[in-house]
């Protein structure tokens, strides 16, 4: 566990030295449940080297948080706004609470219930 924590902190610092880290919350509207949206979001976030989480809401939307280098978070925001999973239909994407962070607060990108 200590080695994992050390690696996590080292990763956060190495990323931060190249580019500022940001955190942003999101909510995606449209046909985004029952179409593997969370799975594709997790895979895309991991591919971009981001951490955070994604979950379905009772309102039929998908919510989550992204953390990582600013350019990669912006790339993921565009993916959430315009691409999503192959069978999804995105009608609106909202992003809020964007802020600069000193280090990543999530160890990975998780699908939560």
Protein backbone atom coordinates (compact mmCIF):
# COMPACT_ATOMS: atom_id res chain seq x y z
CA UNK A 1 0.00 0.00 0.00
CA UNK A 2 2.80 2.41 0.85
CA UNK A 3 4.49 1.72 -2.50
CA UNK A 4 1.19 2.38 -4.29
CA UNK A 5 0.74 5.67 -2.45
CA UNK A 6 4.31 6.71 -3.23
CA UNK A 7 3.83 5.86 -6.93
CA UNK A 8 0.52 7.75 -6.99
CA UNK A 9 2.08 10.88 -5.47
CA UNK A 10 5.10 10.62 -7.79
CA UNK A 11 2.80 10.32 -10.80
CA UNK A 12 0.81 13.35 -9.67
CA UNK A 13 3.98 15.40 -9.26
CA UNK A 14 5.50 14.33 -12.57
CA UNK A 15 2.32 15.23 -14.44
CA UNK A 16 2.09 18.52 -12.58
CA UNK A 17 5.62 19.53 -13.55
CA UNK A 18 4.66 19.32 -17.25
CA UNK A 19 1.17 20.77 -17.13
CA UNK A 20 -1.23 22.04 -14.48
CA UNK A 21 -3.72 19.52 -13.09
CA UNK A 22 -7.41 20.32 -13.07
CA UNK A 23 -10.57 18.75 -11.73
CA UNK A 24 -14.01 19.19 -13.27
CA UNK A 25 -17.46 17.74 -12.55
CA UNK A 26 -19.78 16.79 -15.41
CA UNK A 27 -23.33 15.70 -16.19
CA UNK A 28 -24.34 14.27 -19.57
CA UNK A 29 -27.93 14.29 -20.85
CA UNK A 30 -29.64 12.29 -23.59
CA UNK A 31 -29.71 8.57 -24.30
CA UNK A 32 -26.77 7.76 -22.05
CA UNK A 33 -28.05 4.87 -19.93
CA UNK A 34 -28.31 1.29 -21.16
CA UNK A 35 -25.83 2.01 -23.98
CA UNK A 36 -22.50 1.22 -22.21
CA UNK A 37 -21.82 4.94 -21.76
CA UNK A 38 -20.11 4.46 -18.39
CA UNK A 39 -17.88 1.68 -19.71
CA UNK A 40 -16.78 3.75 -22.72
CA UNK A 41 -16.26 6.80 -20.52
CA UNK A 42 -14.03 4.82 -18.18
CA UNK A 43 -12.04 3.34 -21.08
CA UNK A 44 -11.59 6.73 -22.76
CA UNK A 45 -10.58 8.39 -19.49
CA UNK A 46 -8.02 5.67 -18.81
CA UNK A 47 -6.67 5.92 -22.36
CA UNK A 48 -6.12 9.66 -21.83
CA UNK A 49 -4.43 9.02 -18.46
CA UNK A 50 -7.20 10.62 -16.42
CA UNK A 51 -8.63 9.60 -13.07
CA UNK A 52 -12.09 10.12 -11.64
CA UNK A 53 -15.45 8.41 -11.66
CA UNK A 54 -18.67 8.01 -13.63
CA UNK A 55 -22.15 6.90 -12.54
CA UNK A 56 -25.77 6.76 -13.68
CA UNK A 57 -28.29 9.00 -11.94
CA UNK A 58 -31.94 8.34 -11.14
CA UNK A 59 -32.79 11.24 -13.49
CA UNK A 60 -31.47 9.25 -16.48
CA UNK A 61 -28.24 11.23 -16.84
CA UNK A 62 -24.61 10.30 -16.28
CA UNK A 63 -22.50 12.24 -13.78
CA UNK A 64 -18.86 12.14 -12.82
CA UNK A 65 -15.60 13.87 -12.18
CA UNK A 66 -12.43 14.13 -14.26
CA UNK A 67 -8.94 14.89 -12.98
CA UNK A 68 -5.67 15.16 -14.84
CA UNK A 69 -3.58 17.41 -17.07
CA UNK A 70 -5.62 20.31 -18.41
CA UNK A 71 -5.20 19.38 -22.09
CA UNK A 72 -6.31 15.78 -21.49
CA UNK A 73 -9.32 16.88 -19.41
CA UNK A 74 -10.32 19.26 -22.23
CA UNK A 75 -9.99 16.39 -24.73
CA UNK A 76 -12.22 14.21 -22.54
CA UNK A 77 -14.77 17.03 -22.20
CA UNK A 78 -15.02 17.21 -25.99
CA UNK A 79 -15.46 13.40 -26.14
CA UNK A 80 -18.25 13.60 -23.54
CA UNK A 81 -19.89 16.49 -25.41
CA UNK A 82 -19.82 14.97 -28.89
CA UNK A 83 -18.93 11.25 -29.01
CA UNK A 84 -19.86 9.03 -26.06
CA UNK A 85 -20.55 5.36 -26.62
CA UNK A 86 -21.54 4.13 -30.10
CA UNK A 87 -25.24 3.74 -29.22
CA UNK A 88 -25.57 6.86 -27.10
CA UNK A 89 -27.19 10.13 -28.17
CA UNK A 90 -25.90 13.14 -26.25
CA UNK A 91 -28.22 16.13 -26.12
CA UNK A 92 -26.35 18.25 -23.55
CA UNK A 93 -23.13 18.18 -21.55
CA UNK A 94 -22.65 20.37 -18.49
CA UNK A 95 -19.28 20.99 -16.84
CA UNK A 96 -18.90 22.81 -13.53
CA UNK A 97 -16.62 23.30 -10.54
CA UNK A 98 -13.46 23.38 -12.67
CA UNK A 99 -10.45 24.10 -10.50
CA UNK A 100 -6.70 23.73 -10.43
CA UNK A 101 -5.54 20.97 -8.09
CA UNK A 102 -2.15 20.23 -6.55
CA UNK A 103 -2.42 16.46 -6.95
CA UNK A 104 -4.85 13.80 -8.12
CA UNK A 105 -7.34 12.69 -5.46
CA UNK A 106 -8.53 9.51 -7.20
CA UNK A 107 -6.25 6.50 -7.74
CA UNK A 108 -7.96 5.40 -11.00
CA UNK A 109 -11.01 5.95 -13.17
CA UNK A 110 -13.95 4.03 -11.70
CA UNK A 111 -17.51 3.22 -12.63
CA UNK A 112 -19.58 3.71 -9.48
CA UNK A 113 -23.14 2.70 -8.66
